[in-house]
Amino acid sequence: MQKIMKCTLCKTTIDNYNLDFHRLKIDEKHLVDICDDCMDKIIKWQGKKYAILFPTSYMKKRFGANK
């Protein structure tokens, strides 16, 4: 039986948990499990930062970052 894992950020149950995809290792002492929804939010949030730093047309189109 598979252990039920919960997202460290939003505390919801992670469906179809995959250790390689859902586990984020911050350093040797800190590990967090992140659900798909929170992962998407983090990628979008960080993507906007990268789109501002590297203002290519693809990044602007993908993340909608405008100065």
PDB file of N, CA and C in Angstrom:
ATOM      1  N   MET A   1       0.836  -1.185   0.000  1.00  0.00           N
ATOM      2  CA  MET A   1       0.000   0.000   0.000  1.00  0.00           C
ATOM      3  C   MET A   1       0.884   1.252   0.000  1.00  0.00           C
ATOM      4  N   GLN A   2       0.542   2.192  -0.858  1.00  0.00           N
ATOM      5  CA  GLN A   2       1.341   3.409  -1.002  1.00  0.00           C
ATOM      6  C   GLN A   2       0.982   4.418   0.089  1.00  0.00           C
ATOM      7  N   LYS A   3       1.991   5.039   0.641  1.00  0.00           N
ATOM      8  CA  LYS A   3       1.787   6.052   1.670  1.00  0.00           C
ATOM      9  C   LYS A   3       1.144   7.290   1.046  1.00  0.00           C
ATOM     10  N   ILE A   4       0.175   7.878   1.743  1.00  0.00           N
ATOM     11  CA  ILE A   4      -0.482   9.085   1.258  1.00  0.00           C
ATOM     12  C   ILE A   4       0.415  10.279   1.586  1.00  0.00           C
ATOM     13  N   MET A   5       0.791  11.011   0.538  1.00  0.00           N
ATOM     14  CA  MET A   5       1.673  12.160   0.708  1.00  0.00           C
ATOM     15  C   MET A   5       0.872  13.443   0.575  1.00  0.00           C
ATOM     16  N   LYS A   6       1.243  14.438   1.358  1.00  0.00           N
ATOM     17  CA  LYS A   6       0.572  15.730   1.313  1.00  0.00           C
ATOM     18  C   LYS A   6       1.560  16.807   0.900  1.00  0.00           C
ATOM     19  N   CYS A   7       1.045  17.807   0.205  1.00  0.00           N
ATOM     20  CA  CYS A   7       1.853  18.932  -0.239  1.00  0.00           C
ATOM     21  C   CYS A   7       2.298  19.739   0.975  1.00  0.00           C
ATOM     22  N   THR A   8       3.560  20.063   1.029  1.00  0.00           N
ATOM     23  CA  THR A   8       4.102  20.849   2.132  1.00  0.00           C
ATOM     24  C   THR A   8       3.530  22.260   2.137  1.00  0.00           C
ATOM     25  N   LEU A   9       3.211  22.801   0.979  1.00  0.00           N
ATOM     26  CA  LEU A   9       2.728  24.178   0.883  1.00  0.00           C
ATOM     27  C   LEU A   9       1.235  24.320   1.161  1.00  0.00           C
ATOM     28  N   CYS A  10       0.409  23.535   0.472  1.00  0.00           N
ATOM     29  CA  CYS A  10      -1.047  23.717   0.586  1.00  0.00           C
ATOM     30  C   CYS A  10      -1.737  22.620   1.387  1.00  0.00           C
ATOM     31  N   LYS A  11      -1.009  21.603   1.786  1.00  0.00           N
ATOM     32  CA  LYS A  11      -1.496  20.500   2.620  1.00  0.00           C
ATOM     33  C   LYS A  11      -2.523  19.587   1.946  1.00  0.00           C
ATOM     34  N   THR A  12      -2.685  19.663   0.621  1.00  0.00           N
ATOM     35  CA  THR A  12      -3.594  18.751  -0.070  1.00  0.00           C
ATOM     36  C   THR A  12      -2.872  17.445  -0.373  1.00  0.00           C
ATOM     37  N   THR A  13      -3.653  16.396  -0.578  1.00  0.00           N
ATOM     38  CA  THR A  13      -3.096  15.095  -0.922  1.00  0.00           C
ATOM     39  C   THR A  13      -2.536  15.143  -2.348  1.00  0.00           C
ATOM     40  N   ILE A  14      -1.365  14.569  -2.531  1.00  0.00           N
ATOM     41  CA  ILE A  14      -0.731  14.541  -3.848  1.00  0.00           C
ATOM     42  C   ILE A  14      -1.163  13.267  -4.561  1.00  0.00           C
ATOM     43  N   ASP A  15      -1.928  13.430  -5.649  1.00  0.00           N
ATOM     44  CA  ASP A  15      -2.374  12.293  -6.447  1.00  0.00           C
ATOM     45  C   ASP A  15      -1.222  11.769  -7.288  1.00  0.00           C
ATOM     46  N   ASN A  16      -1.154  10.454  -7.436  1.00  0.00           N
ATOM     47  CA  ASN A  16      -0.115   9.801  -8.252  1.00  0.00           C
ATOM     48  C   ASN A  16       1.279  10.282  -7.865  1.00  0.00           C
ATOM     49  N   TYR A  17       1.581  10.235  -6.585  1.00  0.00           N
ATOM     50  CA  TYR A  17       2.858  10.718  -6.069  1.00  0.00           C
ATOM     51  C   TYR A  17       4.027  10.002  -6.747  1.00  0.00           C
ATOM     52  N   ASN A  18       5.001  10.785  -7.183  1.00  0.00           N
ATOM     53  CA  ASN A  18       6.218  10.278  -7.796  1.00  0.00           C
ATOM     54  C   ASN A  18       7.385  10.975  -7.102  1.00  0.00           C
ATOM     55  N   LEU A  19       8.210  10.207  -6.451  1.00  0.00           N
ATOM     56  CA  LEU A  19       9.326  10.750  -5.681  1.00  0.00           C
ATOM     57  C   LEU A  19      10.232  11.651  -6.515  1.00  0.00           C
ATOM     58  N   ASP A  20      10.512  11.259  -7.743  1.00  0.00           N
ATOM     59  CA  ASP A  20      11.406  12.042  -8.601  1.00  0.00           C
ATOM     60  C   ASP A  20      10.796  13.373  -9.012  1.00  0.00           C
ATOM     61  N   PHE A  21       9.494  13.421  -9.175  1.00  0.00           N
ATOM     62  CA  PHE A  21       8.846  14.643  -9.651  1.00  0.00           C
ATOM     63  C   PHE A  21       8.362  15.541  -8.507  1.00  0.00           C
ATOM     64  N   HIS A  22       7.764  14.980  -7.477  1.00  0.00           N
ATOM     65  CA  HIS A  22       7.116  15.769  -6.430  1.00  0.00           C
ATOM     66  C   HIS A  22       8.025  16.141  -5.263  1.00  0.00           C
ATOM     67  N   ARG A  23       9.174  15.491  -5.132  1.00  0.00           N
ATOM     68  CA  ARG A  23      10.084  15.767  -4.011  1.00  0.00           C
ATOM     69  C   ARG A  23      11.097  16.814  -4.429  1.00  0.00           C
ATOM     70  N   LEU A  24      11.181  17.900  -3.664  1.00  0.00           N
ATOM     71  CA  LEU A  24      12.151  18.962  -3.923  1.00  0.00           C
ATOM     72  C   LEU A  24      13.173  18.957  -2.796  1.00  0.00           C
ATOM     73  N   LYS A  25      14.416  18.733  -3.154  1.00  0.00           N
ATOM     74  CA  LYS A  25      15.505  18.721  -2.180  1.00  0.00           C
ATOM     75  C   LYS A  25      16.135  20.103  -2.170  1.00  0.00           C
ATOM     76  N   ILE A  26      15.976  20.807  -1.061  1.00  0.00           N
ATOM     77  CA  ILE A  26      16.515  22.157  -0.926  1.00  0.00           C
ATOM     78  C   ILE A  26      17.984  22.094  -0.531  1.00  0.00           C
ATOM     79  N   ASP A  27      18.290  21.292   0.460  1.00  0.00           N
ATOM     80  CA  ASP A  27      19.674  21.012   0.849  1.00  0.00           C
ATOM     81  C   ASP A  27      19.674  19.671   1.576  1.00  0.00           C
ATOM     82  N   GLU A  28      20.769  19.306   2.208  1.00  0.00           N
ATOM     83  CA  GLU A  28      20.885  17.989   2.846  1.00  0.00           C
ATOM     84  C   GLU A  28      19.877  17.769   3.967  1.00  0.00           C
ATOM     85  N   LYS A  29      19.399  18.826   4.595  1.00  0.00           N
ATOM     86  CA  LYS A  29      18.488  18.702   5.740  1.00  0.00           C
ATOM     87  C   LYS A  29      17.041  19.045   5.415  1.00  0.00           C
ATOM     88  N   HIS A  30      16.779  19.619   4.252  1.00  0.00           N
ATOM     89  CA  HIS A  30      15.436  20.098   3.936  1.00  0.00           C
ATOM     90  C   HIS A  30      14.899  19.476   2.650  1.00  0.00           C
ATOM     91  N   LEU A  31      13.796  18.733   2.810  1.00  0.00           N
ATOM     92  CA  LEU A  31      13.086  18.123   1.694  1.00  0.00           C
ATOM     93  C   LEU A  31      11.620  18.532   1.797  1.00  0.00           C
ATOM     94  N   VAL A  32      11.000  18.838   0.680  1.00  0.00           N
ATOM     95  CA  VAL A  32       9.575  19.163   0.674  1.00  0.00           C
ATOM     96  C   VAL A  32       8.901  18.393  -0.454  1.00  0.00           C
ATOM     97  N   ASP A  33       7.636  18.086  -0.245  1.00  0.00           N
ATOM     98  CA  ASP A  33       6.828  17.453  -1.266  1.00  0.00           C
ATOM     99  C   ASP A  33       5.853  18.499  -1.781  1.00  0.00           C
ATOM    100  N   ILE A  34       5.767  18.633  -3.103  1.00  0.00           N
ATOM    101  CA  ILE A  34       4.957  19.690  -3.707  1.00  0.00           C
ATOM    102  C   ILE A  34       3.983  19.068  -4.702  1.00  0.00           C
ATOM    103  N   CYS A  35       2.697  19.455  -4.605  1.00  0.00           N
ATOM    104  CA  CYS A  35       1.676  18.943  -5.522  1.00  0.00           C
ATOM    105  C   CYS A  35       1.812  19.607  -6.895  1.00  0.00           C
ATOM    106  N   ASP A  36       1.106  19.052  -7.874  1.00  0.00           N
ATOM    107  CA  ASP A  36       1.186  19.559  -9.243  1.00  0.00           C
ATOM    108  C   ASP A  36       0.732  21.017  -9.338  1.00  0.00           C
ATOM    109  N   ASP A  37      -0.335  21.376  -8.620  1.00  0.00           N
ATOM    110  CA  ASP A  37      -0.855  22.736  -8.678  1.00  0.00           C
ATOM    111  C   ASP A  37       0.153  23.751  -8.125  1.00  0.00           C
ATOM    112  N   CYS A  38       0.747  23.442  -6.985  1.00  0.00           N
ATOM    113  CA  CYS A  38       1.752  24.344  -6.410  1.00  0.00           C
ATOM    114  C   CYS A  38       2.999  24.403  -7.294  1.00  0.00           C
ATOM    115  N   MET A  39       3.358  23.278  -7.912  1.00  0.00           N
ATOM    116  CA  MET A  39       4.507  23.254  -8.816  1.00  0.00           C
ATOM    117  C   MET A  39       4.262  24.187 -10.003  1.00  0.00           C
ATOM    118  N   ASP A  40       3.043  24.139 -10.561  1.00  0.00           N
ATOM    119  CA  ASP A  40       2.696  25.034 -11.671  1.00  0.00           C
ATOM    120  C   ASP A  40       2.778  26.493 -11.265  1.00  0.00           C
ATOM    121  N   LYS A  41       2.315  26.799 -10.053  1.00  0.00           N
ATOM    122  CA  LYS A  41       2.361  28.180  -9.556  1.00  0.00           C
ATOM    123  C   LYS A  41       3.799  28.658  -9.376  1.00  0.00           C
ATOM    124  N   ILE A  42       4.662  27.789  -8.866  1.00  0.00           N
ATOM    125  CA  ILE A  42       6.069  28.139  -8.683  1.00  0.00           C
ATOM    126  C   ILE A  42       6.737  28.375 -10.035  1.00  0.00           C
ATOM    127  N   ILE A  43       6.460  27.505 -11.002  1.00  0.00           N
ATOM    128  CA  ILE A  43       7.058  27.649 -12.332  1.00  0.00           C
ATOM    129  C   ILE A  43       6.597  28.946 -12.983  1.00  0.00           C
ATOM    130  N   LYS A  44       5.327  29.264 -12.859  1.00  0.00           N
ATOM    131  CA  LYS A  44       4.806  30.505 -13.437  1.00  0.00           C
ATOM    132  C   LYS A  44       5.425  31.726 -12.746  1.00  0.00           C
ATOM    133  N   TRP A  45       5.511  31.696 -11.421  1.00  0.00           N
ATOM    134  CA  TRP A  45       6.093  32.796 -10.652  1.00  0.00           C
ATOM    135  C   TRP A  45       7.561  33.001 -11.029  1.00  0.00           C
ATOM    136  N   GLN A  46       8.336  31.919 -11.073  1.00  0.00           N
ATOM    137  CA  GLN A  46       9.749  32.030 -11.427  1.00  0.00           C
ATOM    138  C   GLN A  46       9.917  32.364 -12.898  1.00  0.00           C
ATOM    139  N   GLY A  47       9.031  31.854 -13.753  1.00  0.00           N
ATOM    140  CA  GLY A  47       9.091  32.130 -15.187  1.00  0.00           C
ATOM    141  C   GLY A  47       8.959  33.605 -15.485  1.00  0.00           C
ATOM    142  N   LYS A  48       8.089  34.287 -14.750  1.00  0.00           N
ATOM    143  CA  LYS A  48       7.933  35.730 -14.939  1.00  0.00           C
ATOM    144  C   LYS A  48       9.224  36.464 -14.598  1.00  0.00           C
ATOM    145  N   LYS A  49       9.910  35.997 -13.562  1.00  0.00           N
ATOM    146  CA  LYS A  49      11.195  36.615 -13.203  1.00  0.00           C
ATOM    147  C   LYS A  49      12.224  36.401 -14.309  1.00  0.00           C
ATOM    148  N   TYR A  50      12.282  35.172 -14.832  1.00  0.00           N
ATOM    149  CA  TYR A  50      13.228  34.888 -15.914  1.00  0.00           C
ATOM    150  C   TYR A  50      12.871  35.639 -17.188  1.00  0.00           C
ATOM    151  N   ALA A  51      11.582  35.826 -17.452  1.00  0.00           N
ATOM    152  CA  ALA A  51      11.160  36.557 -18.642  1.00  0.00           C
ATOM    153  C   ALA A  51      11.598  38.015 -18.564  1.00  0.00           C
ATOM    154  N   ILE A  52      11.653  38.563 -17.364  1.00  0.00           N
ATOM    155  CA  ILE A  52      12.128  39.942 -17.194  1.00  0.00           C
ATOM    156  C   ILE A  52      13.652  39.990 -17.349  1.00  0.00           C
ATOM    157  N   LEU A  53      14.350  39.001 -16.800  1.00  0.00           N
ATOM    158  CA  LEU A  53      15.813  38.964 -16.896  1.00  0.00           C
ATOM    159  C   LEU A  53      16.292  38.659 -18.318  1.00  0.00           C
ATOM    160  N   PHE A  54      15.563  37.774 -19.011  1.00  0.00           N
ATOM    161  CA  PHE A  54      15.933  37.363 -20.362  1.00  0.00           C
ATOM    162  C   PHE A  54      14.741  37.630 -21.281  1.00  0.00           C
ATOM    163  N   PRO A  55      14.576  38.875 -21.719  1.00  0.00           N
ATOM    164  CA  PRO A  55      13.360  39.269 -22.430  1.00  0.00           C
ATOM    165  C   PRO A  55      13.294  38.829 -23.897  1.00  0.00           C
ATOM    166  N   THR A  56      13.383  37.535 -24.116  1.00  0.00           N
ATOM    167  CA  THR A  56      13.213  37.027 -25.482  1.00  0.00           C
ATOM    168  C   THR A  56      11.727  36.995 -25.807  1.00  0.00           C
ATOM    169  N   SER A  57      11.404  36.939 -27.072  1.00  0.00           N
ATOM    170  CA  SER A  57       9.993  36.917 -27.459  1.00  0.00           C
ATOM    171  C   SER A  57       9.298  35.665 -26.940  1.00  0.00           C
ATOM    172  N   TYR A  58      10.003  34.525 -26.899  1.00  0.00           N
ATOM    173  CA  TYR A  58       9.412  33.295 -26.374  1.00  0.00           C
ATOM    174  C   TYR A  58       9.049  33.454 -24.898  1.00  0.00           C
ATOM    175  N   MET A  59       9.967  33.970 -24.102  1.00  0.00           N
ATOM    176  CA  MET A  59       9.712  34.122 -22.666  1.00  0.00           C
ATOM    177  C   MET A  59       8.583  35.104 -22.412  1.00  0.00           C
ATOM    178  N   LYS A  60       8.544  36.188 -23.174  1.00  0.00           N
ATOM    179  CA  LYS A  60       7.449  37.151 -23.012  1.00  0.00           C
ATOM    180  C   LYS A  60       6.116  36.516 -23.359  1.00  0.00           C
ATOM    181  N   LYS A  61       6.111  35.721 -24.431  1.00  0.00           N
ATOM    182  CA  LYS A  61       4.882  35.058 -24.859  1.00  0.00           C
ATOM    183  C   LYS A  61       4.452  34.000 -23.847  1.00  0.00           C
ATOM    184  N   ARG A  62       5.401  33.235 -23.361  1.00  0.00           N
ATOM    185  CA  ARG A  62       5.086  32.127 -22.432  1.00  0.00           C
ATOM    186  C   ARG A  62       4.626  32.622 -21.075  1.00  0.00           C
ATOM    187  N   PHE A  63       5.280  33.643 -20.530  1.00  0.00           N
ATOM    188  CA  PHE A  63       4.984  34.079 -19.173  1.00  0.00           C
ATOM    189  C   PHE A  63       4.353  35.459 -19.085  1.00  0.00           C
ATOM    190  N   GLY A  64       4.187  36.133 -20.186  1.00  0.00           N
ATOM    191  CA  GLY A  64       3.487  37.410 -20.196  1.00  0.00           C
ATOM    192  C   GLY A  64       4.151  38.503 -19.396  1.00  0.00           C
ATOM    193  N   ALA A  65       5.453  38.536 -19.377  1.00  0.00           N
ATOM    194  CA  ALA A  65       6.173  39.547 -18.607  1.00  0.00           C
ATOM    195  C   ALA A  65       6.411  40.777 -19.460  1.00  0.00           C
ATOM    196  N   ASN A  66       5.949  41.882 -18.997  1.00  0.00           N
ATOM    197  CA  ASN A  66       6.169  43.174 -19.683  1.00  0.00           C
ATOM    198  C   ASN A  66       6.799  44.148 -18.703  1.00  0.00           C
ATOM    199  N   LYS A  67       7.733  44.915 -19.196  1.00  0.00           N
ATOM    200  CA  LYS A  67       8.351  45.933 -18.326  1.00  0.00           C
ATOM    201  C   LYS A  67       7.546  47.182 -18.339  1.00  0.00           C
TER     202      LYS A  67
END
